[in-house]
Amino acid sequence: MKQICFALGMAALTLTANQCLADTKPAMQISKTAAAANSVQKVPLNTATLAQLDAIPGLGEKKAQALLDYIAEHGPIKDQAQLTQVKGIGEKLAAKISPYLSFN
């Protein structure tokens, strides 16, 4: 009889623990890019200052200056694909920073 009561008690404890764990939801994970695209005001690329571009995560002062130099020499940048023509900016970096930029 003790064994049956013990087994029933353990089963009830297991079911209760499983139910408690099932009710907890994992913390929502938001990537930097998704957060930037949804909550941060975009920087107008073609009229931005060095300080504004330098503040974009992953860009840095040298690449921000390279962007400004490219715009001064070639005119406005119209889209993400054109970002890759700037020295030091490849496809991965262009994809990473484009959510922070507007191409107007």
C-alpha atoms as a PDB file:
ATOM      1  CA  MET A   1       0.000   0.000   0.000  1.00  0.00           C
ATOM      2  CA  LYS A   2       2.862   2.359   0.821  1.00  0.00           C
ATOM      3  CA  GLN A   3       4.408   1.696  -2.578  1.00  0.00           C
ATOM      4  CA  ILE A   4       1.168   2.509  -4.397  1.00  0.00           C
ATOM      5  CA  CYS A   5       0.732   5.756  -2.440  1.00  0.00           C
ATOM      6  CA  PHE A   6       4.349   6.660  -3.097  1.00  0.00           C
ATOM      7  CA  ALA A   7       3.983   5.925  -6.832  1.00  0.00           C
ATOM      8  CA  LEU A   8       0.774   7.992  -7.052  1.00  0.00           C
ATOM      9  CA  GLY A   9       2.413  10.847  -5.176  1.00  0.00           C
ATOM     10  CA  MET A  10       5.421  10.824  -7.495  1.00  0.00           C
ATOM     11  CA  ALA A  11       3.160  10.724 -10.558  1.00  0.00           C
ATOM     12  CA  ALA A  12       1.176  13.695  -9.249  1.00  0.00           C
ATOM     13  CA  LEU A  13       4.384  15.579  -8.494  1.00  0.00           C
ATOM     14  CA  THR A  14       5.742  14.866 -11.985  1.00  0.00           C
ATOM     15  CA  LEU A  15       2.534  15.995 -13.677  1.00  0.00           C
ATOM     16  CA  THR A  16       2.432  19.180 -11.611  1.00  0.00           C
ATOM     17  CA  ALA A  17       6.077  19.971 -12.389  1.00  0.00           C
ATOM     18  CA  ASN A  18       5.523  19.366 -16.101  1.00  0.00           C
ATOM     19  CA  GLN A  19       2.475  21.619 -16.104  1.00  0.00           C
ATOM     20  CA  CYS A  20       4.393  24.407 -14.351  1.00  0.00           C
ATOM     21  CA  LEU A  21       7.257  24.147 -16.810  1.00  0.00           C
ATOM     22  CA  ALA A  22       4.892  24.101 -19.774  1.00  0.00           C
ATOM     23  CA  ASP A  23       3.278  27.336 -18.591  1.00  0.00           C
ATOM     24  CA  THR A  24       6.548  29.237 -18.586  1.00  0.00           C
ATOM     25  CA  LYS A  25       7.359  30.923 -21.855  1.00  0.00           C
ATOM     26  CA  PRO A  26      10.914  31.500 -23.042  1.00  0.00           C
ATOM     27  CA  ALA A  27      12.114  35.074 -23.145  1.00  0.00           C
ATOM     28  CA  MET A  28      11.582  36.630 -26.537  1.00  0.00           C
ATOM     29  CA  GLN A  29      14.846  37.044 -28.346  1.00  0.00           C
ATOM     30  CA  ILE A  30      15.206  40.020 -30.630  1.00  0.00           C
ATOM     31  CA  SER A  31      18.194  40.438 -32.858  1.00  0.00           C
ATOM     32  CA  LYS A  32      19.933  43.780 -33.100  1.00  0.00           C
ATOM     33  CA  THR A  33      18.879  44.148 -36.691  1.00  0.00           C
ATOM     34  CA  ALA A  34      15.216  43.420 -35.974  1.00  0.00           C
ATOM     35  CA  ALA A  35      15.208  45.870 -33.089  1.00  0.00           C
ATOM     36  CA  ALA A  36      16.817  48.493 -35.261  1.00  0.00           C
ATOM     37  CA  ALA A  37      14.350  47.991 -38.067  1.00  0.00           C
ATOM     38  CA  ASN A  38      11.358  48.270 -35.759  1.00  0.00           C
ATOM     39  CA  SER A  39      12.222  50.806 -33.102  1.00  0.00           C
ATOM     40  CA  VAL A  40      15.066  53.067 -34.154  1.00  0.00           C
ATOM     41  CA  GLN A  41      14.656  56.089 -36.367  1.00  0.00           C
ATOM     42  CA  LYS A  42      16.608  55.524 -39.558  1.00  0.00           C
ATOM     43  CA  VAL A  43      19.514  57.742 -40.507  1.00  0.00           C
ATOM     44  CA  PRO A  44      19.116  59.430 -43.906  1.00  0.00           C
ATOM     45  CA  LEU A  45      22.275  58.065 -45.536  1.00  0.00           C
ATOM     46  CA  ASN A  46      22.799  60.679 -48.231  1.00  0.00           C
ATOM     47  CA  THR A  47      22.492  63.656 -45.864  1.00  0.00           C
ATOM     48  CA  ALA A  48      23.989  62.101 -42.715  1.00  0.00           C
ATOM     49  CA  THR A  49      26.926  63.506 -40.800  1.00  0.00           C
ATOM     50  CA  LEU A  50      30.024  61.565 -39.832  1.00  0.00           C
ATOM     51  CA  ALA A  51      28.801  61.383 -36.224  1.00  0.00           C
ATOM     52  CA  GLN A  52      25.413  59.970 -37.270  1.00  0.00           C
ATOM     53  CA  LEU A  53      27.008  57.292 -39.438  1.00  0.00           C
ATOM     54  CA  ASP A  54      29.649  56.469 -36.830  1.00  0.00           C
ATOM     55  CA  ALA A  55      26.856  55.771 -34.313  1.00  0.00           C
ATOM     56  CA  ILE A  56      25.506  52.912 -36.446  1.00  0.00           C
ATOM     57  CA  PRO A  57      26.559  49.569 -34.920  1.00  0.00           C
ATOM     58  CA  GLY A  58      29.215  47.821 -36.981  1.00  0.00           C
ATOM     59  CA  LEU A  59      30.115  50.814 -39.115  1.00  0.00           C
ATOM     60  CA  GLY A  60      32.871  52.761 -37.328  1.00  0.00           C
ATOM     61  CA  GLU A  61      34.494  56.071 -38.159  1.00  0.00           C
ATOM     62  CA  LYS A  62      36.646  54.924 -41.100  1.00  0.00           C
ATOM     63  CA  LYS A  63      33.810  53.240 -42.961  1.00  0.00           C
ATOM     64  CA  ALA A  64      31.489  56.140 -42.153  1.00  0.00           C
ATOM     65  CA  GLN A  65      34.050  58.475 -43.735  1.00  0.00           C
ATOM     66  CA  ALA A  66      34.355  56.131 -46.712  1.00  0.00           C
ATOM     67  CA  LEU A  67      30.577  56.385 -47.176  1.00  0.00           C
ATOM     68  CA  LEU A  68      30.711  60.179 -47.086  1.00  0.00           C
ATOM     69  CA  ASP A  69      33.612  60.206 -49.556  1.00  0.00           C
ATOM     70  CA  TYR A  70      31.736  57.862 -51.907  1.00  0.00           C
ATOM     71  CA  ILE A  71      28.604  60.034 -51.781  1.00  0.00           C
ATOM     72  CA  ALA A  72      30.662  63.167 -52.455  1.00  0.00           C
ATOM     73  CA  GLU A  73      32.360  61.561 -55.459  1.00  0.00           C
ATOM     74  CA  HIS A  74      29.568  59.445 -56.981  1.00  0.00           C
ATOM     75  CA  GLY A  75      26.355  61.038 -55.746  1.00  0.00           C
ATOM     76  CA  PRO A  76      23.569  59.596 -53.576  1.00  0.00           C
ATOM     77  CA  ILE A  77      23.450  55.924 -52.678  1.00  0.00           C
ATOM     78  CA  LYS A  78      20.091  54.552 -53.778  1.00  0.00           C
ATOM     79  CA  ASP A  79      19.926  51.070 -52.225  1.00  0.00           C
ATOM     80  CA  GLN A  80      21.632  48.391 -50.150  1.00  0.00           C
ATOM     81  CA  ALA A  81      23.309  46.846 -53.199  1.00  0.00           C
ATOM     82  CA  GLN A  82      25.065  50.133 -53.956  1.00  0.00           C
ATOM     83  CA  LEU A  83      26.536  50.156 -50.427  1.00  0.00           C
ATOM     84  CA  THR A  84      28.825  47.302 -51.456  1.00  0.00           C
ATOM     85  CA  GLN A  85      30.563  49.614 -53.928  1.00  0.00           C
ATOM     86  CA  VAL A  86      31.965  51.613 -51.006  1.00  0.00           C
ATOM     87  CA  LYS A  87      35.493  50.563 -50.030  1.00  0.00           C
ATOM     88  CA  GLY A  88      35.419  48.340 -46.950  1.00  0.00           C
ATOM     89  CA  ILE A  89      31.707  47.503 -47.104  1.00  0.00           C
ATOM     90  CA  GLY A  90      30.807  44.016 -48.277  1.00  0.00           C
ATOM     91  CA  GLU A  91      27.473  42.274 -48.607  1.00  0.00           C
ATOM     92  CA  LYS A  92      27.347  41.156 -44.962  1.00  0.00           C
ATOM     93  CA  LEU A  93      28.078  44.609 -43.562  1.00  0.00           C
ATOM     94  CA  ALA A  94      25.666  46.226 -46.019  1.00  0.00           C
ATOM     95  CA  ALA A  95      22.935  43.849 -44.840  1.00  0.00           C
ATOM     96  CA  LYS A  96      23.808  44.548 -41.202  1.00  0.00           C
ATOM     97  CA  ILE A  97      23.695  48.355 -41.431  1.00  0.00           C
ATOM     98  CA  SER A  98      20.900  48.848 -43.967  1.00  0.00           C
ATOM     99  CA  PRO A  99      18.092  48.527 -41.354  1.00  0.00           C
ATOM    100  CA  TYR A 100      19.584  51.643 -39.726  1.00  0.00           C
ATOM    101  CA  LEU A 101      19.612  53.621 -42.974  1.00  0.00           C
ATOM    102  CA  SER A 102      17.115  55.303 -45.250  1.00  0.00           C
ATOM    103  CA  PHE A 103      18.118  55.720 -48.866  1.00  0.00           C
ATOM    104  CA  ASN A 104      16.083  58.861 -49.648  1.00  0.00           C
END
